[in-house]
C-alpha cells in the first residue's frame, strides 16, 4: 500500500513508497484512510527534532476513513463505519497529565499518511455527520489540544475575554471557534493581514498584529485586559502576554515555537496573581467531550488546501513556512 514515510536519505526526508501490510492483532482495527492532515509534529519529525525517530515509519497523526477490518475481540459492527481516529494513545488514568507510556500516532508507530492504518480499536470514534472526510481529518490532534487548553486548563466561561495568539494555525483556529461557541468574547493576533481579516470575519471582537511594537497597548485599550490567553509561541513574547492579562487571569501554552524566555517579569506574575500553565493533547475524556462539542455546535474546521500524496513535500513546506490558514489535508 502507498504511504509517506520518513527517510533521512532524501533531501525532503520524505518518501512516498509501498509498505507491507501486516496482520491485525487482537483489539486492533484497520482503517482505509480517506483523508489525512498535517501537524507541526510531522514537520518536527522531518527536521529530526522528535524523539525515537526511525526511517521507514509512516508519518501522520490525523486521519478519517472507513473501518475495513477488525481483530479478535473487537465488535464486528465497526466494519464499514465512517470514523475519526484519536491519535492520543495510552494517555493513562490521570486526567491531570499523560502517563509514561503515552504516545502519539505517527511516530514511533505507523501513522495516517497511508492508504490504510492499523490502530487500537478504542481509538475509533464515529465521524460527525456534518463533517466531510477532509474536515474530519483536520480535527483530532489540533482539536483535542485546543479543547483541553481552553476548557480543562483555561476553564473558559461565557463572557470571558479570550486572546488566541498565532491565529491561522490548526490549534489556534479550533481554540478560536471553540471559545466563540462557549460564549466568550474572542480576540486574535497574527503577523499576517489575511489571517487577521479571517478572524474578524469569523467573529473576533478585535485583532492585533503582534509585529507592531504597540500591539499590547492596543490590546489593553480594546479589551481592558484578557481573562485567558491561549498561546503556542512563548519565548520572549511571554512578557507581552503577562502585560495584557487581567489580574487573576490565565496564560495557557501548548507549544514553544520561539523557545524559552530569556527574561521573565516575575513580579507581575505574583503581584497580579497570574496562572501560567502548560498543556498538551488530551485524555480520552477530553477527546470524547471535544467530539460532542463539535457535533452539538456544528463546528467545521477551516481547511487551507488539499494536496495529493505526490505533493507531500509541497504540503510540508507550506506548513513549515507558516503560509497556511487552517489545516493542510493530504489524500491519495
C-alpha atoms as a PDB file:
ATOM      1  CA  UNK A   1       0.000   0.000   0.000  1.00  0.00           C
ATOM      2  CA  UNK A   2       1.124   3.579  -0.677  1.00  0.00           C
ATOM      3  CA  UNK A   3       2.398   5.606   2.274  1.00  0.00           C
ATOM      4  CA  UNK A   4       4.523   8.660   3.069  1.00  0.00           C
ATOM      5  CA  UNK A   5       7.454   7.570   5.221  1.00  0.00           C
ATOM      6  CA  UNK A   6      10.331   9.301   6.959  1.00  0.00           C
ATOM      7  CA  UNK A   7      13.574   8.713   5.063  1.00  0.00           C
ATOM      8  CA  UNK A   8      16.754  10.577   6.007  1.00  0.00           C
ATOM      9  CA  UNK A   9      18.459   9.610   2.704  1.00  0.00           C
ATOM     10  CA  UNK A  10      16.350  12.145   0.782  1.00  0.00           C
ATOM     11  CA  UNK A  11      16.717  15.930   0.931  1.00  0.00           C
ATOM     12  CA  UNK A  12      13.000  16.259   1.675  1.00  0.00           C
ATOM     13  CA  UNK A  13      13.265  13.496   4.329  1.00  0.00           C
ATOM     14  CA  UNK A  14      10.046  12.106   2.820  1.00  0.00           C
ATOM     15  CA  UNK A  15       9.481   9.074   0.638  1.00  0.00           C
ATOM     16  CA  UNK A  16       6.215   8.040  -0.988  1.00  0.00           C
ATOM     17  CA  UNK A  17       6.591   4.304  -1.254  1.00  0.00           C
ATOM     18  CA  UNK A  18       4.888   0.942  -0.990  1.00  0.00           C
ATOM     19  CA  UNK A  19       4.836  -0.518   2.514  1.00  0.00           C
ATOM     20  CA  UNK A  20       3.820  -4.007   3.555  1.00  0.00           C
ATOM     21  CA  UNK A  21       0.523  -4.566   5.303  1.00  0.00           C
ATOM     22  CA  UNK A  22       0.622  -6.629   8.476  1.00  0.00           C
ATOM     23  CA  UNK A  23      -1.953  -8.876  10.103  1.00  0.00           C
ATOM     24  CA  UNK A  24      -4.229  -7.429  12.762  1.00  0.00           C
ATOM     25  CA  UNK A  25      -3.573  -8.240  16.387  1.00  0.00           C
ATOM     26  CA  UNK A  26      -6.392  -8.699  18.934  1.00  0.00           C
ATOM     27  CA  UNK A  27      -8.045  -5.387  19.823  1.00  0.00           C
ATOM     28  CA  UNK A  28      -6.954  -3.616  16.626  1.00  0.00           C
ATOM     29  CA  UNK A  29      -8.809  -2.178  13.656  1.00  0.00           C
ATOM     30  CA  UNK A  30      -7.728  -1.409  10.089  1.00  0.00           C
ATOM     31  CA  UNK A  31      -8.999   1.867   8.627  1.00  0.00           C
ATOM     32  CA  UNK A  32      -8.973   2.733   4.919  1.00  0.00           C
ATOM     33  CA  UNK A  33      -7.840   6.358   5.074  1.00  0.00           C
ATOM     34  CA  UNK A  34      -9.999   8.797   3.110  1.00  0.00           C
ATOM     35  CA  UNK A  35      -8.158  11.939   4.220  1.00  0.00           C
ATOM     36  CA  UNK A  36      -5.251  12.825   6.499  1.00  0.00           C
ATOM     37  CA  UNK A  37      -3.995  16.121   7.898  1.00  0.00           C
ATOM     38  CA  UNK A  38      -0.572  17.553   8.704  1.00  0.00           C
ATOM     39  CA  UNK A  39       0.555  18.825  12.087  1.00  0.00           C
ATOM     40  CA  UNK A  40       3.740  20.625  13.072  1.00  0.00           C
ATOM     41  CA  UNK A  41       4.713  17.377  14.766  1.00  0.00           C
ATOM     42  CA  UNK A  42       5.158  15.851  11.300  1.00  0.00           C
ATOM     43  CA  UNK A  43       7.500  18.671  10.306  1.00  0.00           C
ATOM     44  CA  UNK A  44       9.498  18.272  13.533  1.00  0.00           C
ATOM     45  CA  UNK A  45       9.932  14.602  12.651  1.00  0.00           C
ATOM     46  CA  UNK A  46      11.167  15.648   9.215  1.00  0.00           C
ATOM     47  CA  UNK A  47      13.656  18.031  10.843  1.00  0.00           C
ATOM     48  CA  UNK A  48      14.906  15.362  13.234  1.00  0.00           C
ATOM     49  CA  UNK A  49      13.609  17.243  16.275  1.00  0.00           C
ATOM     50  CA  UNK A  50      11.387  14.495  17.681  1.00  0.00           C
ATOM     51  CA  UNK A  51      12.452  11.564  19.902  1.00  0.00           C
ATOM     52  CA  UNK A  52      12.566   7.922  18.779  1.00  0.00           C
ATOM     53  CA  UNK A  53      12.749   8.760  15.080  1.00  0.00           C
ATOM     54  CA  UNK A  54      13.212   5.858  12.701  1.00  0.00           C
ATOM     55  CA  UNK A  55      13.403   5.732   8.914  1.00  0.00           C
ATOM     56  CA  UNK A  56      10.591   3.853   7.241  1.00  0.00           C
ATOM     57  CA  UNK A  57       7.887   4.854   9.725  1.00  0.00           C
ATOM     58  CA  UNK A  58       4.688   6.214   8.170  1.00  0.00           C
ATOM     59  CA  UNK A  59       4.093   9.788   9.330  1.00  0.00           C
ATOM     60  CA  UNK A  60       0.768  11.415  10.198  1.00  0.00           C
ATOM     61  CA  UNK A  61      -1.339  11.638  13.342  1.00  0.00           C
ATOM     62  CA  UNK A  62      -4.657  12.847  11.939  1.00  0.00           C
ATOM     63  CA  UNK A  63      -6.968  10.817   9.764  1.00  0.00           C
ATOM     64  CA  UNK A  64     -10.513   9.834   8.922  1.00  0.00           C
ATOM     65  CA  UNK A  65     -11.730   6.863   6.972  1.00  0.00           C
ATOM     66  CA  UNK A  66     -13.780   3.691   6.794  1.00  0.00           C
ATOM     67  CA  UNK A  67     -13.170   0.671   9.001  1.00  0.00           C
ATOM     68  CA  UNK A  68     -12.138  -2.192   6.747  1.00  0.00           C
ATOM     69  CA  UNK A  69     -11.317  -4.979   9.188  1.00  0.00           C
ATOM     70  CA  UNK A  70     -11.164  -5.642  12.935  1.00  0.00           C
ATOM     71  CA  UNK A  71      -9.112  -8.046  15.022  1.00  0.00           C
ATOM     72  CA  UNK A  72     -10.195 -10.557  17.614  1.00  0.00           C
ATOM     73  CA  UNK A  73     -12.172  -9.100  20.475  1.00  0.00           C
ATOM     74  CA  UNK A  74     -13.433  -6.089  18.514  1.00  0.00           C
ATOM     75  CA  UNK A  75     -17.118  -5.585  17.745  1.00  0.00           C
ATOM     76  CA  UNK A  76     -17.717  -6.546  14.101  1.00  0.00           C
ATOM     77  CA  UNK A  77     -20.255  -3.709  13.841  1.00  0.00           C
ATOM     78  CA  UNK A  78     -17.305  -1.343  13.412  1.00  0.00           C
ATOM     79  CA  UNK A  79     -16.666  -2.713   9.909  1.00  0.00           C
ATOM     80  CA  UNK A  80     -17.951  -0.259   7.300  1.00  0.00           C
ATOM     81  CA  UNK A  81     -18.310   2.623   9.750  1.00  0.00           C
ATOM     82  CA  UNK A  82     -17.033   6.113   8.869  1.00  0.00           C
ATOM     83  CA  UNK A  83     -14.643   7.060  11.648  1.00  0.00           C
ATOM     84  CA  UNK A  84     -12.290   9.626  13.037  1.00  0.00           C
ATOM     85  CA  UNK A  85      -9.132   8.448  14.816  1.00  0.00           C
ATOM     86  CA  UNK A  86      -7.969   9.628  18.232  1.00  0.00           C
ATOM     87  CA  UNK A  87      -4.174   9.860  17.840  1.00  0.00           C
ATOM     88  CA  UNK A  88      -3.501  10.034  21.611  1.00  0.00           C
ATOM     89  CA  UNK A  89      -2.520   6.511  22.677  1.00  0.00           C
ATOM     90  CA  UNK A  90      -2.035   5.273  26.267  1.00  0.00           C
ATOM     91  CA  UNK A  91      -2.797   8.581  27.991  1.00  0.00           C
ATOM     92  CA  UNK A  92      -3.304   6.752  31.272  1.00  0.00           C
ATOM     93  CA  UNK A  93      -5.756   7.054  34.150  1.00  0.00           C
ATOM     94  CA  UNK A  94      -4.844  10.535  35.426  1.00  0.00           C
ATOM     95  CA  UNK A  95      -6.845  13.360  33.855  1.00  0.00           C
ATOM     96  CA  UNK A  96      -4.246  15.865  35.093  1.00  0.00           C
ATOM     97  CA  UNK A  97      -1.387  14.622  32.888  1.00  0.00           C
ATOM     98  CA  UNK A  98      -0.380  11.862  30.499  1.00  0.00           C
ATOM     99  CA  UNK A  99       1.413   8.752  31.769  1.00  0.00           C
ATOM    100  CA  UNK A 100       4.863   7.436  30.883  1.00  0.00           C
ATOM    101  CA  UNK A 101       3.507   5.117  28.166  1.00  0.00           C
ATOM    102  CA  UNK A 102       1.770   7.933  26.290  1.00  0.00           C
ATOM    103  CA  UNK A 103       2.497   8.178  22.573  1.00  0.00           C
ATOM    104  CA  UNK A 104       1.073   9.902  19.530  1.00  0.00           C
ATOM    105  CA  UNK A 105       0.126   8.090  16.352  1.00  0.00           C
ATOM    106  CA  UNK A 106       2.620   8.613  13.523  1.00  0.00           C
ATOM    107  CA  UNK A 107       5.965   8.053  15.304  1.00  0.00           C
ATOM    108  CA  UNK A 108       7.166   5.623  16.509  1.00  0.00           C
ATOM    109  CA  UNK A 109       4.190   3.573  15.223  1.00  0.00           C
ATOM    110  CA  UNK A 110       2.920   3.947  11.659  1.00  0.00           C
ATOM    111  CA  UNK A 111       0.514   6.817  11.130  1.00  0.00           C
ATOM    112  CA  UNK A 112      -2.198   8.101   8.841  1.00  0.00           C
ATOM    113  CA  UNK A 113      -0.329   9.277   5.720  1.00  0.00           C
ATOM    114  CA  UNK A 114      -1.107   5.957   4.144  1.00  0.00           C
ATOM    115  CA  UNK A 115      -3.781   4.088   2.233  1.00  0.00           C
ATOM    116  CA  UNK A 116      -4.584   2.190   5.428  1.00  0.00           C
ATOM    117  CA  UNK A 117      -3.663   2.419   9.090  1.00  0.00           C
ATOM    118  CA  UNK A 118      -3.915  -0.054  11.948  1.00  0.00           C
ATOM    119  CA  UNK A 119      -4.832   1.403  15.336  1.00  0.00           C
ATOM    120  CA  UNK A 120      -6.172   0.125  18.660  1.00  0.00           C
ATOM    121  CA  UNK A 121      -9.923  -0.128  18.132  1.00  0.00           C
ATOM    122  CA  UNK A 122     -10.564   2.019  21.193  1.00  0.00           C
ATOM    123  CA  UNK A 123      -9.096   4.950  19.223  1.00  0.00           C
ATOM    124  CA  UNK A 124     -12.070   4.947  16.840  1.00  0.00           C
ATOM    125  CA  UNK A 125     -14.961   7.390  17.066  1.00  0.00           C
ATOM    126  CA  UNK A 126     -17.855   7.717  14.648  1.00  0.00           C
ATOM    127  CA  UNK A 127     -17.236  10.639  12.294  1.00  0.00           C
ATOM    128  CA  UNK A 128     -19.567  13.582  12.995  1.00  0.00           C
ATOM    129  CA  UNK A 129     -22.169  13.522  10.232  1.00  0.00           C
ATOM    130  CA  UNK A 130     -21.871  17.212   9.356  1.00  0.00           C
ATOM    131  CA  UNK A 131     -18.164  16.864   8.552  1.00  0.00           C
ATOM    132  CA  UNK A 132     -16.662  15.718   5.271  1.00  0.00           C
ATOM    133  CA  UNK A 133     -13.761  13.264   5.453  1.00  0.00           C
ATOM    134  CA  UNK A 134     -11.381  16.178   4.834  1.00  0.00           C
ATOM    135  CA  UNK A 135     -12.879  18.226   7.664  1.00  0.00           C
ATOM    136  CA  UNK A 136     -12.947  15.225   9.995  1.00  0.00           C
ATOM    137  CA  UNK A 137      -9.274  14.507   9.271  1.00  0.00           C
ATOM    138  CA  UNK A 138      -8.415  18.070  10.296  1.00  0.00           C
ATOM    139  CA  UNK A 139      -9.932  17.704  13.741  1.00  0.00           C
ATOM    140  CA  UNK A 140      -8.211  15.138  16.013  1.00  0.00           C
ATOM    141  CA  UNK A 141      -4.815  16.359  17.238  1.00  0.00           C
ATOM    142  CA  UNK A 142      -5.377  20.102  16.932  1.00  0.00           C
ATOM    143  CA  UNK A 143      -8.983  19.968  18.100  1.00  0.00           C
ATOM    144  CA  UNK A 144      -8.078  17.887  21.139  1.00  0.00           C
ATOM    145  CA  UNK A 145      -5.168  20.170  22.058  1.00  0.00           C
ATOM    146  CA  UNK A 146      -7.327  23.281  21.710  1.00  0.00           C
ATOM    147  CA  UNK A 147     -10.208  21.787  23.691  1.00  0.00           C
ATOM    148  CA  UNK A 148      -8.027  20.805  26.638  1.00  0.00           C
ATOM    149  CA  UNK A 149      -6.213  24.158  26.637  1.00  0.00           C
ATOM    150  CA  UNK A 150      -9.445  26.124  26.607  1.00  0.00           C
ATOM    151  CA  UNK A 151     -11.780  24.079  28.786  1.00  0.00           C
ATOM    152  CA  UNK A 152      -9.724  21.870  31.121  1.00  0.00           C
ATOM    153  CA  UNK A 153      -6.735  24.136  31.719  1.00  0.00           C
ATOM    154  CA  UNK A 154      -8.237  27.515  30.866  1.00  0.00           C
ATOM    155  CA  UNK A 155     -11.646  26.884  32.474  1.00  0.00           C
ATOM    156  CA  UNK A 156     -13.191  29.309  29.981  1.00  0.00           C
ATOM    157  CA  UNK A 157     -16.531  30.820  30.942  1.00  0.00           C
ATOM    158  CA  UNK A 158     -19.190  32.735  28.992  1.00  0.00           C
ATOM    159  CA  UNK A 159     -18.242  36.408  28.538  1.00  0.00           C
ATOM    160  CA  UNK A 160     -14.576  35.781  29.365  1.00  0.00           C
ATOM    161  CA  UNK A 161     -12.232  37.867  27.245  1.00  0.00           C
ATOM    162  CA  UNK A 162     -10.000  35.382  25.433  1.00  0.00           C
ATOM    163  CA  UNK A 163      -6.963  36.096  23.252  1.00  0.00           C
ATOM    164  CA  UNK A 164      -5.902  33.426  20.740  1.00  0.00           C
ATOM    165  CA  UNK A 165      -2.363  34.104  19.544  1.00  0.00           C
ATOM    166  CA  UNK A 166      -0.990  32.973  16.198  1.00  0.00           C
ATOM    167  CA  UNK A 167      -4.404  32.689  14.586  1.00  0.00           C
ATOM    168  CA  UNK A 168      -4.291  30.612  11.405  1.00  0.00           C
ATOM    169  CA  UNK A 169      -2.594  27.507  12.732  1.00  0.00           C
ATOM    170  CA  UNK A 170      -4.541  24.347  13.424  1.00  0.00           C
ATOM    171  CA  UNK A 171      -4.845  24.516  17.213  1.00  0.00           C
ATOM    172  CA  UNK A 172      -5.395  28.271  17.189  1.00  0.00           C
ATOM    173  CA  UNK A 173      -8.295  28.123  14.726  1.00  0.00           C
ATOM    174  CA  UNK A 174     -10.026  25.463  16.831  1.00  0.00           C
ATOM    175  CA  UNK A 175      -9.409  27.352  20.072  1.00  0.00           C
ATOM    176  CA  UNK A 176     -10.906  30.434  18.397  1.00  0.00           C
ATOM    177  CA  UNK A 177     -14.038  28.618  17.216  1.00  0.00           C
ATOM    178  CA  UNK A 178     -14.472  26.717  20.485  1.00  0.00           C
ATOM    179  CA  UNK A 179     -14.169  29.926  22.542  1.00  0.00           C
ATOM    180  CA  UNK A 180     -16.803  31.663  20.413  1.00  0.00           C
ATOM    181  CA  UNK A 181     -19.225  28.760  20.853  1.00  0.00           C
ATOM    182  CA  UNK A 182     -18.528  28.786  24.598  1.00  0.00           C
ATOM    183  CA  UNK A 183     -19.851  32.349  24.721  1.00  0.00           C
ATOM    184  CA  UNK A 184     -16.525  34.093  25.239  1.00  0.00           C
ATOM    185  CA  UNK A 185     -15.517  37.448  23.787  1.00  0.00           C
ATOM    186  CA  UNK A 186     -12.715  36.376  21.471  1.00  0.00           C
ATOM    187  CA  UNK A 187      -9.703  38.297  20.171  1.00  0.00           C
ATOM    188  CA  UNK A 188      -6.899  37.118  17.880  1.00  0.00           C
ATOM    189  CA  UNK A 189      -3.331  38.002  16.992  1.00  0.00           C
ATOM    190  CA  UNK A 190      -1.188  37.156  13.980  1.00  0.00           C
ATOM    191  CA  UNK A 191       1.567  38.652  11.849  1.00  0.00           C
ATOM    192  CA  UNK A 192      -0.437  38.127   8.643  1.00  0.00           C
ATOM    193  CA  UNK A 193      -3.077  40.594   7.441  1.00  0.00           C
ATOM    194  CA  UNK A 194      -5.128  37.932   5.651  1.00  0.00           C
ATOM    195  CA  UNK A 195      -5.286  35.804   8.800  1.00  0.00           C
ATOM    196  CA  UNK A 196      -6.429  38.747  10.903  1.00  0.00           C
ATOM    197  CA  UNK A 197      -9.077  39.508   8.289  1.00  0.00           C
ATOM    198  CA  UNK A 198     -10.344  35.924   8.508  1.00  0.00           C
ATOM    199  CA  UNK A 199     -10.507  36.111  12.311  1.00  0.00           C
ATOM    200  CA  UNK A 200     -12.576  39.282  12.027  1.00  0.00           C
ATOM    201  CA  UNK A 201     -14.935  37.599   9.558  1.00  0.00           C
ATOM    202  CA  UNK A 202     -15.376  34.702  11.986  1.00  0.00           C
ATOM    203  CA  UNK A 203     -16.354  36.979  14.847  1.00  0.00           C
ATOM    204  CA  UNK A 204     -13.246  38.356  16.557  1.00  0.00           C
ATOM    205  CA  UNK A 205     -14.016  41.335  18.782  1.00  0.00           C
ATOM    206  CA  UNK A 206     -10.681  42.837  17.728  1.00  0.00           C
ATOM    207  CA  UNK A 207      -7.432  41.641  16.135  1.00  0.00           C
ATOM    208  CA  UNK A 208      -3.790  42.595  16.643  1.00  0.00           C
ATOM    209  CA  UNK A 209      -0.634  42.333  14.568  1.00  0.00           C
ATOM    210  CA  UNK A 210       1.963  41.175  17.077  1.00  0.00           C
ATOM    211  CA  UNK A 211       4.833  42.506  14.949  1.00  0.00           C
ATOM    212  CA  UNK A 212       3.714  46.052  15.800  1.00  0.00           C
ATOM    213  CA  UNK A 213       5.576  47.475  18.792  1.00  0.00           C
ATOM    214  CA  UNK A 214       2.452  48.941  20.365  1.00  0.00           C
ATOM    215  CA  UNK A 215       0.184  45.900  19.936  1.00  0.00           C
ATOM    216  CA  UNK A 216      -0.019  45.319  23.691  1.00  0.00           C
ATOM    217  CA  UNK A 217      -1.209  48.876  24.292  1.00  0.00           C
ATOM    218  CA  UNK A 218      -3.842  48.457  21.573  1.00  0.00           C
ATOM    219  CA  UNK A 219      -4.929  45.154  23.087  1.00  0.00           C
ATOM    220  CA  UNK A 220      -5.391  46.671  26.537  1.00  0.00           C
ATOM    221  CA  UNK A 221      -7.322  49.608  25.075  1.00  0.00           C
ATOM    222  CA  UNK A 222      -9.672  47.294  23.166  1.00  0.00           C
ATOM    223  CA  UNK A 223     -10.185  44.658  25.863  1.00  0.00           C
ATOM    224  CA  UNK A 224      -9.266  46.206  29.206  1.00  0.00           C
ATOM    225  CA  UNK A 225      -7.209  43.040  29.699  1.00  0.00           C
ATOM    226  CA  UNK A 226      -7.821  39.348  28.980  1.00  0.00           C
ATOM    227  CA  UNK A 227      -9.129  36.677  31.307  1.00  0.00           C
ATOM    228  CA  UNK A 228      -7.412  33.959  29.294  1.00  0.00           C
ATOM    229  CA  UNK A 229      -4.670  33.758  26.669  1.00  0.00           C
ATOM    230  CA  UNK A 230      -4.069  30.621  24.562  1.00  0.00           C
ATOM    231  CA  UNK A 231      -0.542  30.656  23.100  1.00  0.00           C
ATOM    232  CA  UNK A 232       1.894  28.414  21.223  1.00  0.00           C
ATOM    233  CA  UNK A 233       4.996  30.602  20.978  1.00  0.00           C
ATOM    234  CA  UNK A 234       6.252  31.563  24.471  1.00  0.00           C
ATOM    235  CA  UNK A 235       9.869  32.767  24.081  1.00  0.00           C
ATOM    236  CA  UNK A 236      10.299  36.437  24.855  1.00  0.00           C
ATOM    237  CA  UNK A 237       6.699  37.104  23.816  1.00  0.00           C
ATOM    238  CA  UNK A 238       5.647  35.748  27.228  1.00  0.00           C
ATOM    239  CA  UNK A 239       6.214  39.100  28.908  1.00  0.00           C
ATOM    240  CA  UNK A 240       3.879  40.740  26.378  1.00  0.00           C
ATOM    241  CA  UNK A 241       1.179  38.241  27.317  1.00  0.00           C
ATOM    242  CA  UNK A 242       1.784  38.899  31.010  1.00  0.00           C
ATOM    243  CA  UNK A 243       1.215  42.590  30.245  1.00  0.00           C
ATOM    244  CA  UNK A 244      -2.189  42.050  28.622  1.00  0.00           C
ATOM    245  CA  UNK A 245      -3.695  39.558  31.097  1.00  0.00           C
ATOM    246  CA  UNK A 246      -6.044  40.809  33.795  1.00  0.00           C
ATOM    247  CA  UNK A 247      -5.145  40.300  37.449  1.00  0.00           C
ATOM    248  CA  UNK A 248      -6.135  36.737  38.280  1.00  0.00           C
ATOM    249  CA  UNK A 249      -6.010  35.750  34.614  1.00  0.00           C
ATOM    250  CA  UNK A 250      -4.501  32.695  32.923  1.00  0.00           C
ATOM    251  CA  UNK A 251      -1.960  32.057  30.180  1.00  0.00           C
ATOM    252  CA  UNK A 252      -2.120  28.534  28.733  1.00  0.00           C
ATOM    253  CA  UNK A 253       0.523  27.487  26.211  1.00  0.00           C
ATOM    254  CA  UNK A 254       0.643  24.317  24.126  1.00  0.00           C
ATOM    255  CA  UNK A 255       3.927  24.901  22.312  1.00  0.00           C
ATOM    256  CA  UNK A 256       7.120  26.932  22.449  1.00  0.00           C
ATOM    257  CA  UNK A 257       7.974  27.713  18.843  1.00  0.00           C
ATOM    258  CA  UNK A 258      10.035  30.721  19.980  1.00  0.00           C
ATOM    259  CA  UNK A 259      11.864  28.692  22.614  1.00  0.00           C
ATOM    260  CA  UNK A 260      12.408  29.595  26.252  1.00  0.00           C
ATOM    261  CA  UNK A 261      12.113  33.180  27.514  1.00  0.00           C
ATOM    262  CA  UNK A 262      15.422  34.800  28.389  1.00  0.00           C
ATOM    263  CA  UNK A 263      13.720  37.140  30.834  1.00  0.00           C
ATOM    264  CA  UNK A 264      10.543  36.971  32.906  1.00  0.00           C
ATOM    265  CA  UNK A 265       8.717  39.808  34.658  1.00  0.00           C
ATOM    266  CA  UNK A 266       8.155  37.616  37.698  1.00  0.00           C
ATOM    267  CA  UNK A 267       6.880  40.437  39.913  1.00  0.00           C
ATOM    268  CA  UNK A 268       3.892  40.994  37.625  1.00  0.00           C
ATOM    269  CA  UNK A 269       3.120  37.288  37.764  1.00  0.00           C
ATOM    270  CA  UNK A 270       2.892  37.039  41.538  1.00  0.00           C
ATOM    271  CA  UNK A 271       1.522  40.536  42.159  1.00  0.00           C
ATOM    272  CA  UNK A 272      -1.301  40.072  39.642  1.00  0.00           C
ATOM    273  CA  UNK A 273      -2.000  36.500  40.833  1.00  0.00           C
ATOM    274  CA  UNK A 274      -1.482  35.128  37.316  1.00  0.00           C
ATOM    275  CA  UNK A 275      -1.582  31.465  36.379  1.00  0.00           C
ATOM    276  CA  UNK A 276       0.789  30.260  33.639  1.00  0.00           C
ATOM    277  CA  UNK A 277       0.062  26.687  32.565  1.00  0.00           C
ATOM    278  CA  UNK A 278       1.357  24.218  30.028  1.00  0.00           C
ATOM    279  CA  UNK A 279      -0.840  21.770  28.172  1.00  0.00           C
ATOM    280  CA  UNK A 280      -0.513  19.079  25.516  1.00  0.00           C
ATOM    281  CA  UNK A 281      -3.020  16.958  23.711  1.00  0.00           C
ATOM    282  CA  UNK A 282      -5.619  15.395  25.961  1.00  0.00           C
ATOM    283  CA  UNK A 283      -7.155  12.402  27.632  1.00  0.00           C
ATOM    284  CA  UNK A 284      -9.793  10.066  26.247  1.00  0.00           C
ATOM    285  CA  UNK A 285     -12.304  12.053  28.293  1.00  0.00           C
ATOM    286  CA  UNK A 286     -11.166  15.287  26.623  1.00  0.00           C
ATOM    287  CA  UNK A 287     -11.469  13.695  23.176  1.00  0.00           C
ATOM    288  CA  UNK A 288     -14.977  12.415  23.908  1.00  0.00           C
ATOM    289  CA  UNK A 289     -16.097  15.841  25.129  1.00  0.00           C
ATOM    290  CA  UNK A 290     -14.414  17.569  22.175  1.00  0.00           C
ATOM    291  CA  UNK A 291     -16.232  15.428  19.614  1.00  0.00           C
ATOM    292  CA  UNK A 292     -19.517  16.001  21.438  1.00  0.00           C
ATOM    293  CA  UNK A 293     -18.905  19.780  21.492  1.00  0.00           C
ATOM    294  CA  UNK A 294     -18.121  19.800  17.755  1.00  0.00           C
ATOM    295  CA  UNK A 295     -21.263  17.810  16.966  1.00  0.00           C
ATOM    296  CA  UNK A 296     -23.587  19.881  19.139  1.00  0.00           C
ATOM    297  CA  UNK A 297     -22.276  23.181  17.800  1.00  0.00           C
ATOM    298  CA  UNK A 298     -21.808  22.032  14.183  1.00  0.00           C
ATOM    299  CA  UNK A 299     -18.240  23.311  14.145  1.00  0.00           C
ATOM    300  CA  UNK A 300     -16.397  22.845  10.847  1.00  0.00           C
ATOM    301  CA  UNK A 301     -12.594  23.065  10.646  1.00  0.00           C
ATOM    302  CA  UNK A 302     -11.026  25.649   8.400  1.00  0.00           C
ATOM    303  CA  UNK A 303      -9.276  23.842   5.533  1.00  0.00           C
ATOM    304  CA  UNK A 304      -6.282  25.578   3.996  1.00  0.00           C
ATOM    305  CA  UNK A 305      -5.531  23.356   0.993  1.00  0.00           C
ATOM    306  CA  UNK A 306      -5.900  19.752  -0.093  1.00  0.00           C
ATOM    307  CA  UNK A 307      -2.824  18.077  -1.595  1.00  0.00           C
ATOM    308  CA  UNK A 308      -2.224  14.633  -3.063  1.00  0.00           C
ATOM    309  CA  UNK A 309       0.332  12.256  -1.571  1.00  0.00           C
ATOM    310  CA  UNK A 310       2.519  13.020  -4.580  1.00  0.00           C
ATOM    311  CA  UNK A 311       2.568  16.661  -3.449  1.00  0.00           C
ATOM    312  CA  UNK A 312       3.627  15.857   0.121  1.00  0.00           C
ATOM    313  CA  UNK A 313       6.839  17.892   0.028  1.00  0.00           C
ATOM    314  CA  UNK A 314       4.941  20.972  -1.177  1.00  0.00           C
ATOM    315  CA  UNK A 315       2.390  20.494   1.592  1.00  0.00           C
ATOM    316  CA  UNK A 316       5.063  20.089   4.283  1.00  0.00           C
ATOM    317  CA  UNK A 317       6.952  23.153   3.046  1.00  0.00           C
ATOM    318  CA  UNK A 318       3.772  25.222   3.131  1.00  0.00           C
ATOM    319  CA  UNK A 319       3.308  24.343   6.789  1.00  0.00           C
ATOM    320  CA  UNK A 320       6.991  24.932   7.572  1.00  0.00           C
ATOM    321  CA  UNK A 321       6.766  28.431   6.099  1.00  0.00           C
ATOM    322  CA  UNK A 322       3.606  29.246   8.077  1.00  0.00           C
ATOM    323  CA  UNK A 323       1.601  30.098   4.968  1.00  0.00           C
ATOM    324  CA  UNK A 324      -1.446  28.029   5.877  1.00  0.00           C
ATOM    325  CA  UNK A 325      -4.740  29.407   7.125  1.00  0.00           C
ATOM    326  CA  UNK A 326      -6.328  26.363   8.678  1.00  0.00           C
ATOM    327  CA  UNK A 327      -5.398  22.726   8.244  1.00  0.00           C
ATOM    328  CA  UNK A 328      -3.443  21.191   5.359  1.00  0.00           C
ATOM    329  CA  UNK A 329      -5.027  17.972   4.058  1.00  0.00           C
ATOM    330  CA  UNK A 330      -3.441  15.091   2.154  1.00  0.00           C
ATOM    331  CA  UNK A 331      -5.262  12.480   0.081  1.00  0.00           C
ATOM    332  CA  UNK A 332      -4.172   9.751  -2.319  1.00  0.00           C
END
